[in-house]
Protein backbone atom coordinates (compact mmCIF):
# COMPACT_ATOMS: atom_id res chain seq x y z
CA MET A 1 -11.08 -21.22 4.19
CA TRP A 2 -11.16 -17.99 4.90
CA ASP A 3 -13.38 -15.13 6.90
CA PHE A 4 -14.26 -12.62 4.44
CA SER A 5 -17.01 -12.34 2.08
CA VAL A 6 -15.94 -11.62 -1.09
CA GLY A 7 -19.41 -10.44 -2.47
CA ARG A 8 -19.38 -7.93 0.52
CA ALA A 9 -15.92 -6.30 -0.33
CA LEU A 10 -17.18 -6.10 -4.18
CA GLY A 11 -20.26 -4.52 -2.50
CA LEU A 12 -18.54 -1.80 -0.23
CA MET A 13 -15.86 -1.42 -3.39
CA LEU A 14 -19.05 -0.79 -6.04
CA LYS A 15 -19.82 2.35 -3.32
CA THR A 16 -17.02 3.93 -3.32
CA LEU A 17 -17.01 4.47 -7.21
CA PRO A 18 -15.41 8.05 -6.61
CA PHE A 19 -12.69 6.94 -4.55
CA VAL A 20 -12.33 3.81 -6.99
CA LEU A 21 -11.99 6.38 -10.41
CA LEU A 22 -9.76 8.74 -8.21
CA ARG A 23 -7.03 5.58 -7.52
CA VAL A 24 -7.78 4.30 -11.35
CA ALA A 25 -6.88 7.90 -12.97
CA VAL A 26 -4.12 7.99 -10.05
CA TYR A 27 -2.29 4.52 -10.70
CA PHE A 28 -2.87 4.53 -14.38
CA GLY A 29 -1.87 7.95 -14.76
CA VAL A 30 1.43 6.73 -13.14
CA ALA A 31 2.19 4.00 -16.01
CA VAL A 32 1.12 6.38 -18.28
CA ALA A 33 3.65 8.66 -17.16
CA TYR A 34 6.70 6.04 -17.25
CA VAL A 35 5.79 4.98 -20.79
CA LEU A 36 5.30 8.21 -21.56
CA ALA A 37 8.71 9.62 -19.82
CA THR A 38 10.41 6.25 -21.12
CA GLY A 39 9.34 7.05 -24.98
CA THR A 40 10.73 10.83 -24.93
CA GLY A 41 13.81 10.10 -23.24
CA ALA A 42 14.33 7.65 -25.73
CA GLY A 43 13.46 9.85 -28.62
CA ILE A 44 15.70 12.36 -27.44
CA GLY A 45 18.33 9.69 -27.01
CA TRP A 46 17.92 8.24 -30.95
CA GLY A 47 18.07 11.89 -32.39
CA ILE A 48 20.97 12.72 -30.13
CA GLY A 49 22.52 9.36 -31.53
CA GLY A 50 22.22 10.69 -35.31
CA PHE A 51 25.41 12.36 -34.82
CA GLY A 52 27.21 8.87 -34.25
CA ASP A 53 27.25 5.37 -35.70
CA GLU A 54 24.39 3.04 -35.29
CA GLY A 55 25.91 1.61 -31.88
CA PHE A 56 26.35 4.91 -30.72
CA ARG A 57 22.62 5.77 -31.44
CA ALA A 58 21.60 2.25 -29.78
CA GLY A 59 23.39 3.47 -26.74
CA THR A 60 21.77 7.14 -26.66
CA THR A 61 18.51 5.53 -27.15
CA PHE A 62 18.48 2.84 -24.53
CA TRP A 63 20.25 5.64 -21.91
CA GLY A 64 17.69 8.62 -22.96
CA GLY A 65 14.74 6.23 -21.73
CA LEU A 66 16.48 5.09 -18.67
CA ILE A 67 16.62 8.67 -17.45
CA GLY A 68 13.25 9.64 -18.48
CA PHE A 69 12.16 6.25 -16.52
CA GLY A 70 14.73 7.27 -13.84
CA LEU A 71 13.43 10.57 -13.65
CA THR A 72 9.24 9.49 -13.75
CA ALA A 73 10.64 7.11 -10.80
CA ALA A 74 12.14 10.01 -8.71
CA ILE A 75 9.14 12.08 -9.10
CA MET A 76 6.85 9.27 -7.76
CA TYR A 77 8.95 8.61 -4.95
CA LEU A 78 8.59 12.53 -3.95
CA LEU A 79 4.58 11.97 -4.38
CA ARG A 80 4.58 8.86 -2.24
CA GLU A 81 3.35 10.62 1.10
CA TYR A 82 0.56 12.51 -0.66
CA ILE A 83 -0.61 10.15 -2.61
CA LEU A 84 -1.00 7.62 1.06
CA TYR A 85 -2.74 10.87 2.44
CA ILE A 86 -5.36 11.69 -0.56
CA VAL A 87 -5.53 8.60 -2.43
CA LYS A 88 -5.00 5.64 0.13
CA ALA A 89 -5.95 6.31 3.41
CA GLY A 90 -8.73 8.61 2.12
CA HIS A 91 -10.35 5.45 0.68
CA ILE A 92 -9.88 3.93 3.75
CA ALA A 93 -11.94 6.44 5.82
CA VAL A 94 -15.01 6.02 3.24
CA LEU A 95 -15.10 2.67 3.61
CA ILE A 96 -14.95 1.87 7.10
CA LYS A 97 -18.17 4.24 7.40
CA LEU A 98 -20.09 2.25 4.96
CA LEU A 99 -18.36 -1.18 6.59
CA ASP A 100 -20.10 -0.20 9.61
CA GLY A 101 -23.26 0.43 8.42
CA GLN A 102 -23.04 4.13 7.99
CA GLN A 103 -24.32 6.59 5.84
CA MET A 104 -22.37 8.91 4.08
CA PRO A 105 -23.28 13.02 4.79
CA GLN A 106 -26.08 14.35 2.54
CA GLY A 107 -24.55 16.82 0.15
CA ARG A 108 -20.99 16.41 0.51
CA SER A 109 -18.77 14.53 -2.11
CA GLN A 110 -16.90 11.43 -0.48
CA ILE A 111 -13.57 12.71 -1.19
CA ALA A 112 -14.49 15.96 0.36
CA TYR A 113 -15.57 13.97 3.59
CA ALA A 114 -12.81 11.40 3.13
CA ARG A 115 -10.39 14.79 3.57
CA GLU A 116 -11.64 15.61 6.56
CA GLU A 117 -11.59 12.68 8.48
CA VAL A 118 -7.98 12.21 7.38
CA SER A 119 -6.84 15.58 8.46
CA GLN A 120 -8.54 15.41 11.66
CA ARG A 121 -6.31 12.20 12.88
CA PHE A 122 -3.21 12.93 10.75
CA ALA A 123 -2.94 16.40 11.04
CA GLN A 124 -0.19 16.68 7.98
CA ALA A 125 0.82 14.18 5.65
CA SER A 126 4.60 13.38 6.67
CA VAL A 127 2.52 12.88 9.95
CA LEU A 128 0.83 9.79 8.35
CA PHE A 129 3.65 8.96 6.45
CA GLY A 130 6.08 8.28 9.75
CA VAL A 131 3.09 6.45 11.40
CA ASP A 132 2.55 4.09 8.26
CA GLN A 133 6.63 3.42 7.82
CA LEU A 134 7.29 2.98 11.76
CA ILE A 135 4.05 0.25 11.62
CA LYS A 136 5.35 -1.73 8.64
CA GLY A 137 8.54 -2.13 10.56
CA VAL A 138 6.55 -3.82 13.36
CA LEU A 139 4.75 -5.88 11.33
CA ARG A 140 8.04 -7.05 10.03
CA ALA A 141 9.02 -8.45 13.33
CA ILE A 142 6.18 -9.46 14.55
CA THR A 143 6.30 -11.91 10.98
CA GLY A 144 9.96 -12.31 11.74
CA LEU A 145 8.56 -14.01 15.55
CA VAL A 146 6.23 -16.38 13.37
CA ARG A 147 9.42 -17.46 11.58
CA GLY A 148 11.42 -18.32 14.29
CA ILE A 149 8.33 -20.69 15.84
CA VAL A 150 8.46 -21.93 12.41
CA SER A 151 12.39 -22.53 11.89
CA ILE A 152 12.67 -24.80 15.76
CA LEU A 153 9.61 -27.00 14.92
CA PRO A 154 10.78 -30.46 14.26
CA ILE A 155 9.62 -30.21 10.43
CA PRO A 156 11.89 -31.68 7.28
CA GLY A 157 13.33 -28.97 5.22
CA ALA A 158 12.30 -26.69 7.75
CA GLN A 159 14.89 -23.94 6.50
CA GLN A 160 13.43 -23.89 3.05
CA LEU A 161 9.84 -23.69 4.70
CA VAL A 162 11.12 -20.85 6.48
CA SER A 163 12.69 -19.60 3.11
CA VAL A 164 9.14 -19.48 1.55
CA LEU A 165 7.28 -18.62 4.26
CA GLN A 166 9.18 -15.17 4.87
CA ALA A 167 8.87 -14.09 1.00
CA PHE A 168 5.13 -15.00 1.27
CA LEU A 169 4.37 -12.91 4.95
CA ARG A 170 6.44 -10.19 3.35
CA ILE A 171 3.75 -9.87 0.63
CA ALA A 172 0.98 -10.41 2.80
CA VAL A 173 1.97 -8.18 5.45
CA GLY A 174 1.63 -4.96 2.65
CA PHE A 175 -2.45 -6.20 3.34
CA ILE A 176 -1.98 -5.55 6.97
CA ASP A 177 -0.28 -2.16 8.13
CA GLU A 178 -3.63 0.42 6.58
CA VAL A 179 -5.92 -2.16 8.37
CA ILE A 180 -3.71 -0.66 11.78
CA LEU A 181 -4.20 3.07 9.88
CA ALA A 182 -8.09 2.48 9.82
CA TYR A 183 -7.85 1.55 13.28
CA ALA A 184 -7.09 5.15 13.99
CA ILE A 185 -9.83 6.03 11.64
CA ARG A 186 -12.20 4.09 13.26
CA THR A 187 -11.61 4.70 16.63
CA GLY A 188 -11.85 8.74 16.02
CA SER A 189 -8.61 9.12 17.99
CA THR A 190 -6.40 12.32 17.72
CA ASN A 191 -3.30 10.57 18.44
CA ALA A 192 -2.69 8.34 15.16
CA TRP A 193 0.25 7.48 17.62
CA ALA A 194 -1.56 6.01 20.71
CA SER A 195 -4.34 4.35 18.52
CA ALA A 196 -1.14 2.71 16.54
CA GLN A 197 0.39 1.15 19.23
CA THR A 198 -3.55 -0.86 20.36
CA GLY A 199 -4.43 -1.22 17.05
CA LEU A 200 -0.94 -3.07 16.60
CA VAL A 201 -1.32 -4.95 19.78
CA LEU A 202 -4.96 -6.01 19.09
CA TYR A 203 -3.51 -7.24 15.83
CA ALA A 204 -0.86 -9.46 17.48
CA GLN A 205 -2.83 -11.00 19.69
CA ASN A 206 -4.74 -12.36 17.00
CA TYR A 207 -1.72 -12.86 14.13
CA LYS A 208 -3.25 -16.40 13.29
CA PRO A 209 -6.84 -15.14 11.71
CA MET A 210 -4.87 -12.19 10.48
CA LEU A 211 -1.95 -13.93 8.36
CA LYS A 212 -3.93 -17.05 7.40
CA ASN A 213 -6.56 -14.63 5.34
CA ALA A 214 -4.18 -12.08 4.28
CA ALA A 215 -1.91 -15.53 3.07
CA TRP A 216 -5.34 -16.00 0.98
CA LEU A 217 -5.42 -12.67 -0.30
CA ALA A 218 -2.02 -12.49 -1.29
CA LEU A 219 -2.83 -15.50 -3.23
CA ILE A 220 -6.17 -14.04 -4.71
CA VAL A 221 -4.09 -10.59 -5.65
CA TYR A 222 -1.25 -11.69 -7.04
CA GLY A 223 -2.56 -14.26 -8.30
CA LEU A 224 -4.73 -11.85 -10.55
CA SER A 225 -1.58 -9.14 -11.65
CA PHE A 226 -0.40 -12.08 -13.06
CA LEU A 227 -3.38 -12.87 -15.47
CA VAL A 228 -3.31 -8.79 -15.77
CA PHE A 229 0.29 -8.62 -16.49
CA LEU A 230 -0.41 -11.52 -19.47
CA VAL A 231 -2.87 -9.77 -20.62
CA MET A 232 -1.15 -6.38 -20.82
CA LEU A 233 2.18 -7.92 -22.66
CA ALA A 234 0.42 -7.18 -26.02
CA PRO A 235 0.02 -3.98 -25.60
CA ALA A 236 2.96 -3.32 -23.95
CA ALA A 237 5.03 -4.25 -26.83
CA LEU A 238 3.15 -2.04 -29.30
CA ALA A 239 4.39 0.66 -27.05
CA VAL A 240 7.91 -0.78 -27.15
CA TYR A 241 7.53 -0.96 -31.08
CA LEU A 242 6.37 2.85 -31.37
CA ILE A 243 9.30 4.25 -29.35
CA PRO A 244 12.62 4.34 -31.24
CA GLY A 245 15.59 1.65 -30.99
CA ALA A 246 15.69 -1.29 -29.43
CA TRP A 247 14.33 -1.08 -26.00
CA SER A 248 14.01 -5.30 -26.24
CA ALA A 249 13.03 -5.69 -22.22
CA GLY A 250 10.47 -2.82 -22.28
CA GLY A 251 7.48 -4.50 -23.27
CA VAL A 252 8.04 -7.09 -19.68
CA VAL A 253 8.49 -3.49 -18.06
CA PHE A 254 5.81 -2.09 -19.25
CA ALA A 255 3.65 -4.86 -18.46
CA LEU A 256 4.72 -4.84 -15.13
CA LEU A 257 3.86 -1.54 -14.83
CA PHE A 258 0.17 -1.89 -16.08
CA ALA A 259 -0.28 -5.10 -14.34
CA TRP A 260 1.06 -2.76 -10.82
CA ALA A 261 -1.87 0.20 -11.75
CA VAL A 262 -4.44 -2.19 -11.97
CA LYS A 263 -3.22 -4.02 -8.94
CA ALA A 264 -3.04 -0.64 -6.71
CA ALA A 265 -5.93 0.43 -8.10
CA LEU A 266 -8.34 -2.29 -7.67
CA LEU A 267 -7.03 -5.27 -6.30
CA GLU A 268 -5.33 -3.44 -3.32
CA PRO A 269 -8.59 -1.70 -2.34
CA PHE A 270 -10.49 -4.99 -2.57
CA ALA A 271 -7.83 -6.78 -0.23
CA ILE A 272 -7.58 -4.04 2.57
CA THR A 273 -11.51 -4.11 2.67
CA CYS A 274 -11.44 -8.01 3.48
CA MET A 275 -8.75 -7.36 5.95
CA MET A 276 -10.42 -4.32 7.67
CA ASP A 277 -14.06 -6.62 7.98
CA VAL A 278 -11.77 -9.63 8.86
CA TYR A 279 -9.50 -7.49 11.21
CA PHE A 280 -12.61 -5.30 12.89
CA ARG A 281 -15.06 -8.68 13.66
CA THR A 282 -12.29 -10.29 15.60
CA ILE A 283 -11.14 -7.59 18.04
CA GLU A 284 -14.46 -7.09 18.63
CA GLY A 285 -14.93 -6.61 22.75
CA GLN A 286 -11.11 -7.37 22.90
CA LEU A 287 -9.01 -5.29 25.21
CA PRO A 288 -5.24 -4.97 24.38
CA ASP A 289 -3.06 -7.74 25.85
CA PRO A 290 -0.31 -5.97 28.52
CA ALA A 291 1.99 -9.47 27.81
CA TRP A 292 1.62 -9.10 23.95
CA GLU A 293 2.39 -5.08 24.31
CA ALA A 294 5.63 -6.21 26.63
CA LYS A 295 6.76 -9.14 23.81
CA LEU A 296 6.54 -6.29 21.21
CA GLU A 297 8.50 -3.43 22.98
CA ASN A 298 10.94 -6.43 23.41
CA LEU A 299 10.66 -8.00 19.91
CA SER A 300 10.54 -4.25 17.64
CA ARG A 301 12.20 -1.32 18.22
CA LYS A 302 9.80 0.54 16.62
CA PHE A 303 7.19 -0.15 18.27
CA ARG A 304 9.28 1.26 21.17
CA THR A 305 9.24 4.14 19.24
CA ILE A 306 5.53 4.63 18.48
CA LYS A 307 4.77 3.89 22.19
CA GLU A 308 7.50 7.04 23.54
CA LYS A 309 5.47 8.96 20.41
CA ALA A 310 2.03 8.31 22.15
CA GLN A 311 3.17 8.81 25.11
CA ASN A 312 4.81 12.37 24.51
CA TYR A 313 1.85 13.45 21.78
CA GLN A 314 0.82 17.29 22.02
CA PRO A 315 -2.64 17.77 20.70
CA PRO A 316 -2.30 20.82 17.86
CA ARG A 317 -3.85 23.56 19.03
CA ALA A 318 -6.93 24.92 17.03
CA SER A 319 -5.67 28.49 16.71
CA ASP A 320 -2.61 27.39 14.87
CA PRO A 321 -3.31 27.50 11.25
CA ALA A 322 -0.10 25.15 10.73
CA THR A 323 -1.68 22.38 12.71
CA ALA A 324 -5.03 22.75 12.02
CA PRO A 325 -7.05 20.26 10.30
CA ALA A 326 -8.34 21.21 6.38
């Protein structure tokens, strides 16, 4: 059925409890910020609406809440690089060490250890973010290749099948890009571009087991997320009730936010742990296949960009305080 161990993944998650709690604080903090900003904006709009009739007040309340929601979304967009750098990549660094059966250094917190490991591989948050975005582009190209193979098969209703497969693979690939980042951390390379290049080729030549396990994890994670969404509808409806004015759709939006927070804080690291376990066991002893590397070069412009950056990479000088590891 699948090649990962649910029990082992949960055990590793438990061993990284400081990072799990950090993720909970960050992502639930984001969800609460959305609710508070939306409520504050709606409250201000409701107050302004007192200068007009009921229709005017309903409009200003709605737009006030929407502006509060939008401002929070803009702030989260600006912080996305640092969340990836500090929270996601840091958690991956600790999980890798435990996945390999190693002990954490004595006298140091997991978060301090992770920050040093990530800064050694990716000198700046923008570098990690750039690598991650290019990796996602290459992964989309690989799934496009899979869709193309399915579309030419003599299967009744192949076009409908391809559409469903496309949507599903888009979800499943979301668990794989961080596994490629994990490869760079695990191999100890300071050239993140070269590590991403090698990791992507190894993934491509093993795409069948990787996509199979990613598909199972997508079903598990999004199935549990839907259950969380249903559970969160009641407290979300209460939050909407406390917001002045008619925000009837707010309950669904807030329930989605809290379901997303549970997914990002707890379910995603579980899925990534499972995928790392499968990936590292699958590629053990393998070398990158030049035929697959050539295929990726022809298939994806972003893979060619990664390869060029890997070849042109210049390691930072140790004396340069702007690029030295933190």
